[in-house]
PDB file of N, CA and C in Angstrom:
ATOM      1  N   MET A   1       3.144  15.834  -8.934  1.00  0.00           N
ATOM      2  CA  MET A   1       2.761  14.529  -8.362  1.00  0.00           C
ATOM      3  C   MET A   1       1.466  15.054  -7.206  1.00  0.00           C
ATOM      4  N   GLY A   2      -0.026  14.300  -7.391  1.00  0.00           N
ATOM      5  CA  GLY A   2      -0.707  14.571  -6.671  1.00  0.00           C
ATOM      6  C   GLY A   2      -0.740  14.149  -5.418  1.00  0.00           C
ATOM      7  N   GLY A   3      -1.731  14.355  -4.448  1.00  0.00           N
ATOM      8  CA  GLY A   3      -1.653  14.072  -3.098  1.00  0.00           C
ATOM      9  C   GLY A   3      -1.365  15.065  -1.913  1.00  0.00           C
ATOM     10  N   SER A   4      -1.327  15.256  -1.045  1.00  0.00           N
ATOM     11  CA  SER A   4      -1.033  16.113   0.198  1.00  0.00           C
ATOM     12  C   SER A   4       0.347  15.841   0.789  1.00  0.00           C
ATOM     13  N   GLY A   5       1.577  16.671   0.457  1.00  0.00           N
ATOM     14  CA  GLY A   5       2.658  16.452   0.688  1.00  0.00           C
ATOM     15  C   GLY A   5       3.425  15.599   0.269  1.00  0.00           C
ATOM     16  N   ASN A   6       2.777  15.395  -0.930  1.00  0.00           N
ATOM     17  CA  ASN A   6       3.824  14.431  -1.904  1.00  0.00           C
ATOM     18  C   ASN A   6       5.106  15.708  -2.345  1.00  0.00           C
ATOM     19  N   ILE A   7       6.316  15.065  -2.958  1.00  0.00           N
ATOM     20  CA  ILE A   7       7.136  15.961  -3.778  1.00  0.00           C
ATOM     21  C   ILE A   7       7.225  15.126  -5.320  1.00  0.00           C
ATOM     22  N   GLY A   8       7.406  16.794  -5.771  1.00  0.00           N
ATOM     23  CA  GLY A   8       7.161  16.066  -7.597  1.00  0.00           C
ATOM     24  C   GLY A   8       8.603  16.566  -7.815  1.00  0.00           C
ATOM     25  N   ASP A   9       9.512  17.184  -7.465  1.00  0.00           N
ATOM     26  CA  ASP A   9      10.632  17.506  -7.757  1.00  0.00           C
ATOM     27  C   ASP A   9      11.978  16.178  -7.779  1.00  0.00           C
ATOM     28  N   ASN A  10      12.692  16.301  -8.724  1.00  0.00           N
ATOM     29  CA  ASN A  10      13.383  15.053  -8.773  1.00  0.00           C
ATOM     30  C   ASN A  10      14.298  14.688  -7.728  1.00  0.00           C
ATOM     31  N   PRO A  11      13.928  13.070  -7.121  1.00  0.00           N
ATOM     32  CA  PRO A  11      14.478  13.113  -5.808  1.00  0.00           C
ATOM     33  C   PRO A  11      16.256  13.084  -5.570  1.00  0.00           C
ATOM     34  N   LEU A  12      16.801  13.056  -6.415  1.00  0.00           N
ATOM     35  CA  LEU A  12      18.104  12.886  -6.487  1.00  0.00           C
ATOM     36  C   LEU A  12      18.622  11.596  -5.992  1.00  0.00           C
ATOM     37  N   PHE A  13      18.213  10.495  -6.616  1.00  0.00           N
ATOM     38  CA  PHE A  13      18.396   9.211  -6.719  1.00  0.00           C
ATOM     39  C   PHE A  13      20.150   9.575  -6.233  1.00  0.00           C
ATOM     40  N   VAL A  14      21.296   8.491  -5.823  1.00  0.00           N
ATOM     41  CA  VAL A  14      22.459   8.398  -6.028  1.00  0.00           C
ATOM     42  C   VAL A  14      23.058   7.799  -7.264  1.00  0.00           C
ATOM     43  N   ARG A  15      22.248   7.000  -8.129  1.00  0.00           N
ATOM     44  CA  ARG A  15      22.248   6.218  -9.461  1.00  0.00           C
ATOM     45  C   ARG A  15      21.073   6.273 -10.038  1.00  0.00           C
ATOM     46  N   ASP A  16      20.663   6.857 -11.066  1.00  0.00           N
ATOM     47  CA  ASP A  16      19.330   6.271 -11.647  1.00  0.00           C
ATOM     48  C   ASP A  16      19.089   5.134 -12.045  1.00  0.00           C
ATOM     49  N   PRO A  17      18.099   4.120 -12.150  1.00  0.00           N
ATOM     50  CA  PRO A  17      18.071   3.101 -12.948  1.00  0.00           C
ATOM     51  C   PRO A  17      18.338   3.201 -14.154  1.00  0.00           C
ATOM     52  N   ASP A  18      18.879   2.148 -15.171  1.00  0.00           N
ATOM     53  CA  ASP A  18      18.818   2.482 -16.665  1.00  0.00           C
ATOM     54  C   ASP A  18      18.814   1.008 -17.115  1.00  0.00           C
ATOM     55  N   ASP A  19      17.776   0.665 -18.365  1.00  0.00           N
ATOM     56  CA  ASP A  19      17.748  -0.602 -18.844  1.00  0.00           C
ATOM     57  C   ASP A  19      18.692  -0.898 -20.161  1.00  0.00           C
ATOM     58  N   GLY A  20      19.668   0.061 -20.007  1.00  0.00           N
ATOM     59  CA  GLY A  20      20.766   0.088 -21.050  1.00  0.00           C
ATOM     60  C   GLY A  20      20.156   0.223 -22.801  1.00  0.00           C
ATOM     61  N   GLY A  21      19.407   0.690 -22.645  1.00  0.00           N
ATOM     62  CA  GLY A  21      18.584   0.756 -24.208  1.00  0.00           C
ATOM     63  C   GLY A  21      17.865  -0.309 -24.885  1.00  0.00           C
ATOM     64  N   ASP A  22      17.717  -1.276 -24.064  1.00  0.00           N
ATOM     65  CA  ASP A  22      16.993  -2.521 -24.431  1.00  0.00           C
ATOM     66  C   ASP A  22      15.654  -3.186 -23.953  1.00  0.00           C
ATOM     67  N   GLY A  23      15.278  -2.146 -22.984  1.00  0.00           N
ATOM     68  CA  GLY A  23      14.212  -2.957 -22.311  1.00  0.00           C
ATOM     69  C   GLY A  23      14.877  -3.725 -21.128  1.00  0.00           C
ATOM     70  N   TRP A  24      13.962  -4.023 -20.112  1.00  0.00           N
ATOM     71  CA  TRP A  24      14.539  -4.610 -19.136  1.00  0.00           C
ATOM     72  C   TRP A  24      14.230  -6.026 -19.030  1.00  0.00           C
ATOM     73  N   ASP A  25      15.426  -6.561 -18.525  1.00  0.00           N
ATOM     74  CA  ASP A  25      15.129  -8.155 -18.320  1.00  0.00           C
ATOM     75  C   ASP A  25      15.563  -8.939 -19.812  1.00  0.00           C
ATOM     76  N   ASP A  26      15.700 -10.171 -19.826  1.00  0.00           N
ATOM     77  CA  ASP A  26      15.933 -10.894 -21.274  1.00  0.00           C
ATOM     78  C   ASP A  26      14.715 -11.142 -21.769  1.00  0.00           C
ATOM     79  N   ASP A  27      14.808 -11.128 -23.341  1.00  0.00           N
ATOM     80  CA  ASP A  27      13.992 -11.055 -24.350  1.00  0.00           C
ATOM     81  C   ASP A  27      13.770 -12.824 -24.407  1.00  0.00           C
ATOM     82  N   PRO A  28      12.868 -13.711 -24.129  1.00  0.00           N
ATOM     83  CA  PRO A  28      13.240 -15.212 -24.258  1.00  0.00           C
ATOM     84  C   PRO A  28      12.792 -15.281 -25.815  1.00  0.00           C
ATOM     85  N   GLU A  29      12.661 -14.545 -26.352  1.00  0.00           N
ATOM     86  CA  GLU A  29      12.812 -14.715 -27.763  1.00  0.00           C
ATOM     87  C   GLU A  29      13.753 -14.549 -29.034  1.00  0.00           C
ATOM     88  N   THR A  30      14.896 -14.093 -27.939  1.00  0.00           N
ATOM     89  CA  THR A  30      16.422 -13.828 -28.683  1.00  0.00           C
ATOM     90  C   THR A  30      16.993 -14.737 -27.646  1.00  0.00           C
ATOM     91  N   LEU A  31      17.589 -15.821 -27.801  1.00  0.00           N
ATOM     92  CA  LEU A  31      17.947 -16.615 -27.039  1.00  0.00           C
ATOM     93  C   LEU A  31      19.619 -17.043 -26.894  1.00  0.00           C
ATOM     94  N   ASP A  32      20.164 -16.286 -28.335  1.00  0.00           N
ATOM     95  CA  ASP A  32      21.444 -15.852 -28.284  1.00  0.00           C
ATOM     96  C   ASP A  32      21.672 -14.722 -27.618  1.00  0.00           C
ATOM     97  N   ILE A  33      20.994 -13.727 -27.130  1.00  0.00           N
ATOM     98  CA  ILE A  33      21.471 -12.320 -26.858  1.00  0.00           C
ATOM     99  C   ILE A  33      20.451 -11.985 -25.230  1.00  0.00           C
ATOM    100  N   ASP A  34      21.729 -11.905 -24.406  1.00  0.00           N
ATOM    101  CA  ASP A  34      21.108 -11.618 -22.795  1.00  0.00           C
ATOM    102  C   ASP A  34      20.605 -10.247 -22.894  1.00  0.00           C
ATOM    103  N   GLU A  35      19.831  -9.446 -22.921  1.00  0.00           N
ATOM    104  CA  GLU A  35      19.365  -7.874 -22.824  1.00  0.00           C
ATOM    105  C   GLU A  35      19.507  -7.694 -21.819  1.00  0.00           C
ATOM    106  N   GLY A  36      19.125  -8.676 -20.643  1.00  0.00           N
ATOM    107  CA  GLY A  36      19.315  -8.113 -19.041  1.00  0.00           C
ATOM    108  C   GLY A  36      20.520  -8.123 -18.479  1.00  0.00           C
ATOM    109  N   ALA A  37      21.355  -8.387 -19.281  1.00  0.00           N
ATOM    110  CA  ALA A  37      23.102  -8.202 -18.766  1.00  0.00           C
ATOM    111  C   ALA A  37      23.804  -6.706 -18.567  1.00  0.00           C
ATOM    112  N   ASN A  38      23.097  -5.534 -19.548  1.00  0.00           N
ATOM    113  CA  ASN A  38      23.523  -4.559 -19.203  1.00  0.00           C
ATOM    114  C   ASN A  38      22.493  -3.619 -18.485  1.00  0.00           C
ATOM    115  N   ASP A  39      21.217  -4.174 -17.441  1.00  0.00           N
ATOM    116  CA  ASP A  39      20.639  -3.589 -16.983  1.00  0.00           C
ATOM    117  C   ASP A  39      20.818  -2.975 -15.420  1.00  0.00           C
ATOM    118  N   ASP A  40      20.921  -2.097 -15.511  1.00  0.00           N
ATOM    119  CA  ASP A  40      21.812  -1.031 -13.806  1.00  0.00           C
ATOM    120  C   ASP A  40      20.206  -0.754 -13.101  1.00  0.00           C
ATOM    121  N   PHE A  41      19.806  -1.627 -12.280  1.00  0.00           N
ATOM    122  CA  PHE A  41      19.055  -1.235 -11.408  1.00  0.00           C
ATOM    123  C   PHE A  41      19.212   0.103 -10.809  1.00  0.00           C
ATOM    124  N   GLY A  42      20.610   0.747 -10.456  1.00  0.00           N
ATOM    125  CA  GLY A  42      20.512   1.999  -9.857  1.00  0.00           C
ATOM    126  C   GLY A  42      20.878   1.953  -8.793  1.00  0.00           C
ATOM    127  N   ASP A  43      21.133   2.997  -7.983  1.00  0.00           N
ATOM    128  CA  ASP A  43      21.777   2.951  -6.509  1.00  0.00           C
ATOM    129  C   ASP A  43      20.080   4.063  -5.954  1.00  0.00           C
ATOM    130  N   LEU A  44      19.442   3.411  -5.296  1.00  0.00           N
ATOM    131  CA  LEU A  44      18.059   4.432  -5.172  1.00  0.00           C
ATOM    132  C   LEU A  44      18.170   4.887  -3.508  1.00  0.00           C
ATOM    133  N   HIS A  45      19.181   5.097  -2.940  1.00  0.00           N
ATOM    134  CA  HIS A  45      19.526   5.794  -2.166  1.00  0.00           C
ATOM    135  C   HIS A  45      19.419   7.507  -2.425  1.00  0.00           C
ATOM    136  N   LEU A  46      18.779   8.340  -1.232  1.00  0.00           N
ATOM    137  CA  LEU A  46      18.779  10.010  -1.784  1.00  0.00           C
ATOM    138  C   LEU A  46      20.232  10.478  -1.762  1.00  0.00           C
ATOM    139  N   ALA A  47      20.662  10.894  -2.274  1.00  0.00           N
ATOM    140  CA  ALA A  47      22.126  11.844  -2.670  1.00  0.00           C
ATOM    141  C   ALA A  47      21.937  12.976  -1.585  1.00  0.00           C
ATOM    142  N   CYS A  48      22.989  13.449  -1.175  1.00  0.00           N
ATOM    143  CA  CYS A  48      22.962  14.808  -0.363  1.00  0.00           C
ATOM    144  C   CYS A  48      22.306  15.939  -1.197  1.00  0.00           C
ATOM    145  N   GLY A  49      21.631  16.908  -0.727  1.00  0.00           N
ATOM    146  CA  GLY A  49      20.456  17.466  -1.556  1.00  0.00           C
ATOM    147  C   GLY A  49      19.602  17.506  -1.707  1.00  0.00           C
ATOM    148  N   SER A  50      18.829  16.072  -1.580  1.00  0.00           N
ATOM    149  CA  SER A  50      17.811  15.689  -2.305  1.00  0.00           C
ATOM    150  C   SER A  50      16.516  16.290  -1.382  1.00  0.00           C
ATOM    151  N   PRO A  51      15.575  16.615  -2.300  1.00  0.00           N
ATOM    152  CA  PRO A  51      14.487  17.583  -1.476  1.00  0.00           C
ATOM    153  C   PRO A  51      13.494  16.851  -0.721  1.00  0.00           C
ATOM    154  N   CYS A  52      13.992  15.109  -0.925  1.00  0.00           N
ATOM    155  CA  CYS A  52      13.189  14.138   0.094  1.00  0.00           C
ATOM    156  C   CYS A  52      14.032  14.039   1.246  1.00  0.00           C
ATOM    157  N   LEU A  53      15.245  14.538   1.409  1.00  0.00           N
ATOM    158  CA  LEU A  53      15.500  13.931   2.964  1.00  0.00           C
ATOM    159  C   LEU A  53      15.082  14.653   4.018  1.00  0.00           C
ATOM    160  N   ASP A  54      14.806  14.259   5.007  1.00  0.00           N
ATOM    161  CA  ASP A  54      14.416  14.873   6.283  1.00  0.00           C
ATOM    162  C   ASP A  54      12.580  15.133   6.282  1.00  0.00           C
ATOM    163  N   THR A  55      11.901  14.771   5.039  1.00  0.00           N
ATOM    164  CA  THR A  55      10.979  15.486   4.550  1.00  0.00           C
ATOM    165  C   THR A  55       9.658  14.923   4.949  1.00  0.00           C
ATOM    166  N   GLY A  56       9.629  13.101   5.623  1.00  0.00           N
ATOM    167  CA  GLY A  56       8.485  12.454   5.801  1.00  0.00           C
ATOM    168  C   GLY A  56       8.027  12.725   7.046  1.00  0.00           C
ATOM    169  N   THR A  57       6.893  12.123   7.693  1.00  0.00           N
ATOM    170  CA  THR A  57       6.781  12.330   8.818  1.00  0.00           C
ATOM    171  C   THR A  57       6.355  10.575   9.372  1.00  0.00           C
ATOM    172  N   ASP A  58       6.667  10.199  10.267  1.00  0.00           N
ATOM    173  CA  ASP A  58       6.267   9.192  10.876  1.00  0.00           C
ATOM    174  C   ASP A  58       5.178   8.751  12.099  1.00  0.00           C
ATOM    175  N   SER A  59       3.957   9.901  11.825  1.00  0.00           N
ATOM    176  CA  SER A  59       3.052  10.208  12.622  1.00  0.00           C
ATOM    177  C   SER A  59       2.060   8.713  11.913  1.00  0.00           C
ATOM    178  N   VAL A  60       2.306   7.805  12.326  1.00  0.00           N
ATOM    179  CA  VAL A  60       0.998   6.734  11.970  1.00  0.00           C
ATOM    180  C   VAL A  60       1.116   5.761  13.056  1.00  0.00           C
ATOM    181  N   ASP A  61      -0.052   4.763  13.332  1.00  0.00           N
ATOM    182  CA  ASP A  61      -0.116   4.048  14.069  1.00  0.00           C
ATOM    183  C   ASP A  61      -0.280   2.809  13.413  1.00  0.00           C
ATOM    184  N   PRO A  62       0.525   1.774  13.986  1.00  0.00           N
ATOM    185  CA  PRO A  62       1.642   1.529  14.517  1.00  0.00           C
ATOM    186  C   PRO A  62       2.416   2.696  14.175  1.00  0.00           C
ATOM    187  N   ALA A  63       3.484   3.185  15.176  1.00  0.00           N
ATOM    188  CA  ALA A  63       4.445   3.758  15.066  1.00  0.00           C
ATOM    189  C   ALA A  63       5.950   3.076  14.320  1.00  0.00           C
ATOM    190  N   LEU A  64       6.378   4.193  13.501  1.00  0.00           N
ATOM    191  CA  LEU A  64       7.669   3.540  12.668  1.00  0.00           C
ATOM    192  C   LEU A  64       8.895   3.602  13.329  1.00  0.00           C
ATOM    193  N   PRO A  65       9.787   2.779  13.090  1.00  0.00           N
ATOM    194  CA  PRO A  65      10.727   2.652  13.700  1.00  0.00           C
ATOM    195  C   PRO A  65      11.896   3.839  13.870  1.00  0.00           C
ATOM    196  N   ASP A  66      12.815   4.521  14.500  1.00  0.00           N
ATOM    197  CA  ASP A  66      13.367   5.803  14.541  1.00  0.00           C
ATOM    198  C   ASP A  66      14.566   5.799  13.019  1.00  0.00           C
ATOM    199  N   THR A  67      14.499   4.760  13.011  1.00  0.00           N
ATOM    200  CA  THR A  67      15.659   4.740  11.797  1.00  0.00           C
ATOM    201  C   THR A  67      15.001   4.067  10.340  1.00  0.00           C
ATOM    202  N   ASP A  68      15.986   3.817   9.229  1.00  0.00           N
ATOM    203  CA  ASP A  68      15.261   3.127   7.926  1.00  0.00           C
ATOM    204  C   ASP A  68      16.001   1.975   8.126  1.00  0.00           C
ATOM    205  N   LEU A  69      16.139   1.391   6.696  1.00  0.00           N
ATOM    206  CA  LEU A  69      16.482  -0.214   6.868  1.00  0.00           C
ATOM    207  C   LEU A  69      18.213   0.082   6.547  1.00  0.00           C
ATOM    208  N   ALA A  70      18.841   1.182   6.206  1.00  0.00           N
ATOM    209  CA  ALA A  70      20.214   1.595   6.663  1.00  0.00           C
ATOM    210  C   ALA A  70      20.601   1.887   7.586  1.00  0.00           C
ATOM    211  N   ALA A  71      19.949   1.881   8.910  1.00  0.00           N
ATOM    212  CA  ALA A  71      20.014   2.457   9.984  1.00  0.00           C
ATOM    213  C   ALA A  71      20.285   4.199   9.879  1.00  0.00           C
ATOM    214  N   ARG A  72      19.524   4.703   9.541  1.00  0.00           N
ATOM    215  CA  ARG A  72      20.033   6.144   8.841  1.00  0.00           C
ATOM    216  C   ARG A  72      18.667   6.894   9.582  1.00  0.00           C
TER     217      ARG A  72
END
């Protein structure tokens, strides 16, 4: 991945998203089938051992909060 400081390794999400093999969301042309019913948007929290944990910077203006949205 390009750019200074970017991590190209697998971020190790708790659970990766999965479209169920039929694409994301429902196809409006197949009214009798809900292709979106098996969509799994995953759990995009970082798992223990993720190379992304504690690697970011908060040196921006204005300053970022001390914790993320999950209060971590």
